[in-house]
Amino acid sequence: MGSVQERMKAPYRIEATVIRQEGTCAFHHTIGDKVIFDGVSIQGSMCWSALYSMIPKIHAMLYGARFPWTKDPDTATHACPDGYNPVIFELKRFPASES
């Protein structure tokens, strides 16, 4: 049956990369920062407010969700909730086997 980690491992991994940052990010995110999600672990550092707001999108993408408003089904964007100092992340999906 396998361990819980083996059973929870998603068929995809998501790389969240900072593609734009305006103003002063309290967490000091800068363009190029990257965080990787695989359904079991999170690799990298991320502001809790940004993380908390993007978890539903990350979780959906890990398990194959497609959003009708995106041109590429494997790419989405997400803005942190700080409207005065926005950080924009690009979320890219890859098959877990490409880890």
N, C-alpha and C. Protein backbone atom coordinates (compact mmCIF):
# COMPACT_ATOMS: atom_id res chain seq x y z
N MET A 1 0.81 -1.20 0.00
CA MET A 1 0.00 0.00 0.00
C MET A 1 0.86 1.27 0.00
N GLY A 2 2.03 1.23 0.61
CA GLY A 2 2.91 2.38 0.59
C GLY A 2 2.70 3.33 1.74
N SER A 3 3.67 4.18 1.95
CA SER A 3 3.59 5.16 3.02
C SER A 3 2.59 6.27 2.67
N VAL A 4 2.22 7.04 3.67
CA VAL A 4 1.32 8.17 3.44
C VAL A 4 1.95 9.13 2.43
N GLN A 5 3.26 9.38 2.55
CA GLN A 5 3.93 10.27 1.62
C GLN A 5 3.85 9.76 0.19
N GLU A 6 4.02 8.45 0.00
CA GLU A 6 3.92 7.88 -1.35
C GLU A 6 2.51 8.01 -1.90
N ARG A 7 1.52 7.80 -1.06
CA ARG A 7 0.11 7.88 -1.50
C ARG A 7 -0.30 9.32 -1.79
N MET A 8 0.27 10.29 -1.07
CA MET A 8 -0.11 11.69 -1.23
C MET A 8 0.66 12.38 -2.35
N LYS A 9 1.74 11.78 -2.81
CA LYS A 9 2.56 12.41 -3.86
C LYS A 9 1.68 12.69 -5.07
N ALA A 10 1.72 13.92 -5.51
CA ALA A 10 0.88 14.37 -6.63
C ALA A 10 1.47 13.91 -7.96
N PRO A 11 0.63 13.81 -8.99
CA PRO A 11 1.14 13.45 -10.31
C PRO A 11 1.95 14.57 -10.96
N TYR A 12 1.88 15.77 -10.40
CA TYR A 12 2.61 16.91 -10.93
C TYR A 12 3.40 17.57 -9.81
N ARG A 13 4.34 18.42 -10.19
CA ARG A 13 4.98 19.33 -9.25
C ARG A 13 4.75 20.73 -9.80
N ILE A 14 4.72 21.70 -8.92
CA ILE A 14 4.49 23.08 -9.30
C ILE A 14 5.69 23.91 -8.88
N GLU A 15 6.17 24.72 -9.82
CA GLU A 15 7.22 25.68 -9.51
C GLU A 15 6.60 27.07 -9.52
N ALA A 16 6.67 27.74 -8.38
CA ALA A 16 6.18 29.12 -8.25
C ALA A 16 7.40 30.04 -8.31
N THR A 17 7.46 30.88 -9.34
CA THR A 17 8.59 31.76 -9.54
C THR A 17 8.12 33.21 -9.53
N VAL A 18 8.82 34.05 -8.79
CA VAL A 18 8.49 35.48 -8.77
C VAL A 18 8.85 36.06 -10.14
N ILE A 19 7.85 36.63 -10.82
CA ILE A 19 8.10 37.24 -12.13
C ILE A 19 7.97 38.76 -12.09
N ARG A 20 7.38 39.29 -11.01
CA ARG A 20 7.27 40.75 -10.88
C ARG A 20 7.13 41.09 -9.40
N GLN A 21 7.74 42.19 -8.99
CA GLN A 21 7.63 42.67 -7.62
C GLN A 21 7.68 44.18 -7.64
N GLU A 22 6.69 44.82 -7.06
CA GLU A 22 6.62 46.28 -7.02
C GLU A 22 6.58 46.74 -5.57
N GLY A 23 7.12 47.90 -5.32
CA GLY A 23 7.11 48.44 -3.96
C GLY A 23 8.11 47.71 -3.09
N THR A 24 7.78 47.58 -1.81
CA THR A 24 8.67 46.94 -0.85
C THR A 24 7.99 45.70 -0.28
N CYS A 25 8.47 44.55 -0.68
CA CYS A 25 7.94 43.28 -0.17
C CYS A 25 8.49 43.07 1.24
N ALA A 26 7.61 42.90 2.21
CA ALA A 26 8.04 42.71 3.60
C ALA A 26 8.86 41.43 3.77
N PHE A 27 8.64 40.44 2.90
CA PHE A 27 9.38 39.18 2.97
C PHE A 27 10.66 39.24 2.13
N HIS A 28 10.82 40.32 1.38
CA HIS A 28 11.99 40.54 0.52
C HIS A 28 12.05 39.58 -0.67
N HIS A 29 10.87 39.21 -1.20
CA HIS A 29 10.87 38.43 -2.43
C HIS A 29 11.47 39.27 -3.55
N THR A 30 12.22 38.63 -4.42
CA THR A 30 12.78 39.30 -5.58
C THR A 30 12.54 38.45 -6.83
N ILE A 31 12.57 39.08 -7.97
CA ILE A 31 12.35 38.38 -9.23
C ILE A 31 13.33 37.21 -9.33
N GLY A 32 12.78 36.06 -9.69
CA GLY A 32 13.58 34.85 -9.82
C GLY A 32 13.48 33.90 -8.64
N ASP A 33 13.00 34.38 -7.48
CA ASP A 33 12.80 33.48 -6.34
C ASP A 33 11.90 32.34 -6.77
N LYS A 34 12.22 31.11 -6.32
CA LYS A 34 11.45 29.94 -6.75
C LYS A 34 11.13 29.06 -5.55
N VAL A 35 9.91 28.53 -5.54
CA VAL A 35 9.47 27.57 -4.53
C VAL A 35 8.84 26.40 -5.27
N ILE A 36 9.14 25.18 -4.83
CA ILE A 36 8.65 23.98 -5.49
C ILE A 36 7.71 23.22 -4.57
N PHE A 37 6.57 22.80 -5.12
CA PHE A 37 5.55 22.05 -4.40
C PHE A 37 5.39 20.70 -5.09
N ASP A 38 5.35 19.60 -4.31
CA ASP A 38 5.15 18.29 -4.93
C ASP A 38 3.98 17.51 -4.32
N GLY A 39 3.21 18.15 -3.48
CA GLY A 39 2.08 17.48 -2.83
C GLY A 39 2.43 16.91 -1.48
N VAL A 40 3.73 16.77 -1.20
CA VAL A 40 4.19 16.25 0.08
C VAL A 40 5.07 17.27 0.80
N SER A 41 5.86 18.02 0.01
CA SER A 41 6.78 18.98 0.62
C SER A 41 6.77 20.30 -0.15
N ILE A 42 7.33 21.30 0.51
CA ILE A 42 7.52 22.61 -0.10
C ILE A 42 9.01 22.91 0.01
N GLN A 43 9.65 23.18 -1.12
CA GLN A 43 11.08 23.45 -1.14
C GLN A 43 11.29 24.92 -1.49
N GLY A 44 11.85 25.66 -0.55
CA GLY A 44 12.08 27.08 -0.75
C GLY A 44 11.37 27.89 0.30
N SER A 45 11.61 29.19 0.30
CA SER A 45 11.01 30.09 1.28
C SER A 45 9.96 30.97 0.62
N MET A 46 8.85 31.15 1.32
CA MET A 46 7.78 31.97 0.79
C MET A 46 7.04 32.66 1.93
N CYS A 47 6.66 33.88 1.67
CA CYS A 47 5.83 34.65 2.60
C CYS A 47 4.56 33.87 2.91
N TRP A 48 4.20 33.81 4.17
CA TRP A 48 3.01 33.06 4.57
C TRP A 48 1.74 33.63 3.97
N SER A 49 1.65 34.94 3.82
CA SER A 49 0.44 35.53 3.24
C SER A 49 0.29 35.13 1.77
N ALA A 50 1.38 35.15 1.03
CA ALA A 50 1.34 34.73 -0.37
C ALA A 50 1.03 33.24 -0.45
N LEU A 51 1.70 32.45 0.38
CA LEU A 51 1.49 31.00 0.39
C LEU A 51 0.04 30.65 0.71
N TYR A 52 -0.48 31.25 1.76
CA TYR A 52 -1.85 30.97 2.19
C TYR A 52 -2.85 31.29 1.07
N SER A 53 -2.62 32.38 0.36
CA SER A 53 -3.57 32.77 -0.68
C SER A 53 -3.48 31.90 -1.93
N MET A 54 -2.31 31.29 -2.19
CA MET A 54 -2.18 30.50 -3.42
C MET A 54 -2.36 29.00 -3.23
N ILE A 55 -2.47 28.52 -2.00
CA ILE A 55 -2.60 27.08 -1.75
C ILE A 55 -3.75 26.44 -2.54
N PRO A 56 -4.95 27.03 -2.61
CA PRO A 56 -6.01 26.36 -3.39
C PRO A 56 -5.63 26.18 -4.87
N LYS A 57 -4.98 27.17 -5.46
CA LYS A 57 -4.59 27.06 -6.86
C LYS A 57 -3.48 26.02 -7.03
N ILE A 58 -2.51 26.05 -6.12
CA ILE A 58 -1.41 25.07 -6.17
C ILE A 58 -1.97 23.66 -6.04
N HIS A 59 -2.83 23.45 -5.06
CA HIS A 59 -3.41 22.12 -4.83
C HIS A 59 -4.17 21.63 -6.07
N ALA A 60 -4.96 22.50 -6.65
CA ALA A 60 -5.71 22.12 -7.85
C ALA A 60 -4.76 21.75 -8.99
N MET A 61 -3.73 22.54 -9.20
CA MET A 61 -2.78 22.27 -10.29
C MET A 61 -1.98 21.00 -10.05
N LEU A 62 -1.66 20.69 -8.79
CA LEU A 62 -0.93 19.46 -8.48
C LEU A 62 -1.67 18.22 -8.96
N TYR A 63 -2.99 18.30 -8.97
CA TYR A 63 -3.80 17.13 -9.32
C TYR A 63 -4.49 17.27 -10.67
N GLY A 64 -3.97 18.17 -11.53
CA GLY A 64 -4.40 18.22 -12.92
C GLY A 64 -5.48 19.21 -13.28
N ALA A 65 -5.87 20.10 -12.38
CA ALA A 65 -6.92 21.07 -12.72
C ALA A 65 -6.48 21.96 -13.87
N ARG A 66 -7.45 22.35 -14.67
CA ARG A 66 -7.22 23.29 -15.77
C ARG A 66 -8.14 24.47 -15.57
N PHE A 67 -7.60 25.66 -15.75
CA PHE A 67 -8.39 26.87 -15.57
C PHE A 67 -8.75 27.43 -16.94
N PRO A 68 -10.02 27.70 -17.22
CA PRO A 68 -10.43 28.13 -18.55
C PRO A 68 -9.90 29.51 -18.95
N TRP A 69 -9.43 30.30 -18.02
CA TRP A 69 -8.94 31.65 -18.34
C TRP A 69 -7.45 31.67 -18.68
N THR A 70 -6.76 30.53 -18.62
CA THR A 70 -5.35 30.50 -18.96
C THR A 70 -5.15 29.99 -20.38
N LYS A 71 -4.18 30.55 -21.08
CA LYS A 71 -3.89 30.10 -22.45
C LYS A 71 -3.16 28.76 -22.43
N ASP A 72 -2.25 28.59 -21.48
CA ASP A 72 -1.48 27.36 -21.32
C ASP A 72 -2.02 26.63 -20.09
N PRO A 73 -2.53 25.42 -20.23
CA PRO A 73 -3.12 24.72 -19.08
C PRO A 73 -2.10 24.39 -17.98
N ASP A 74 -0.81 24.48 -18.30
CA ASP A 74 0.22 24.18 -17.30
C ASP A 74 0.85 25.41 -16.68
N THR A 75 0.30 26.59 -16.97
CA THR A 75 0.85 27.83 -16.43
C THR A 75 -0.28 28.74 -15.95
N ALA A 76 -0.09 29.31 -14.78
CA ALA A 76 -1.04 30.29 -14.24
C ALA A 76 -0.22 31.36 -13.53
N THR A 77 -0.87 32.45 -13.19
CA THR A 77 -0.20 33.47 -12.37
C THR A 77 -0.98 33.64 -11.08
N HIS A 78 -0.29 34.18 -10.09
CA HIS A 78 -0.93 34.44 -8.81
C HIS A 78 -0.30 35.67 -8.19
N ALA A 79 -1.12 36.59 -7.72
CA ALA A 79 -0.64 37.80 -7.05
C ALA A 79 -0.77 37.64 -5.54
N CYS A 80 0.23 38.09 -4.82
CA CYS A 80 0.13 38.07 -3.37
C CYS A 80 -0.96 39.04 -2.95
N PRO A 81 -1.47 38.93 -1.73
CA PRO A 81 -2.60 39.78 -1.31
C PRO A 81 -2.24 41.22 -0.95
N ASP A 82 -0.96 41.61 -0.99
CA ASP A 82 -0.57 42.98 -0.66
C ASP A 82 -0.72 43.85 -1.90
N GLY A 83 -1.83 44.55 -1.99
CA GLY A 83 -2.13 45.36 -3.16
C GLY A 83 -1.21 46.57 -3.34
N TYR A 84 -0.57 47.02 -2.27
CA TYR A 84 0.33 48.17 -2.36
C TYR A 84 1.75 47.77 -2.76
N ASN A 85 2.12 46.54 -2.49
CA ASN A 85 3.47 46.04 -2.78
C ASN A 85 3.36 44.65 -3.43
N PRO A 86 2.70 44.56 -4.58
CA PRO A 86 2.38 43.24 -5.12
C PRO A 86 3.60 42.45 -5.61
N VAL A 87 3.54 41.17 -5.31
CA VAL A 87 4.48 40.20 -5.85
C VAL A 87 3.65 39.28 -6.73
N ILE A 88 4.09 39.10 -7.98
CA ILE A 88 3.37 38.24 -8.92
C ILE A 88 4.20 36.98 -9.14
N PHE A 89 3.55 35.85 -8.98
CA PHE A 89 4.19 34.55 -9.16
C PHE A 89 3.67 33.90 -10.44
N GLU A 90 4.55 33.23 -11.15
CA GLU A 90 4.14 32.37 -12.25
C GLU A 90 4.15 30.95 -11.69
N LEU A 91 3.04 30.24 -11.85
CA LEU A 91 2.91 28.87 -11.39
C LEU A 91 3.01 27.97 -12.62
N LYS A 92 4.01 27.12 -12.65
CA LYS A 92 4.22 26.23 -13.78
C LYS A 92 4.15 24.79 -13.31
N ARG A 93 3.40 24.00 -14.07
CA ARG A 93 3.20 22.59 -13.72
C ARG A 93 4.09 21.70 -14.60
N PHE A 94 4.69 20.69 -13.95
CA PHE A 94 5.52 19.70 -14.63
C PHE A 94 5.11 18.32 -14.15
N PRO A 95 5.19 17.30 -14.99
CA PRO A 95 4.94 15.95 -14.50
C PRO A 95 5.92 15.62 -13.37
N ALA A 96 5.44 14.95 -12.34
CA ALA A 96 6.29 14.62 -11.19
C ALA A 96 7.50 13.79 -11.62
N SER A 97 7.35 13.03 -12.68
CA SER A 97 8.45 12.20 -13.16
C SER A 97 9.63 13.01 -13.69
N GLU A 98 9.44 14.31 -13.94
CA GLU A 98 10.51 15.18 -14.42
C GLU A 98 11.26 15.85 -13.27
N SER A 99 11.14 15.32 -12.08
CA SER A 99 11.78 15.94 -10.90
C SER A 99 13.27 15.86 -10.95
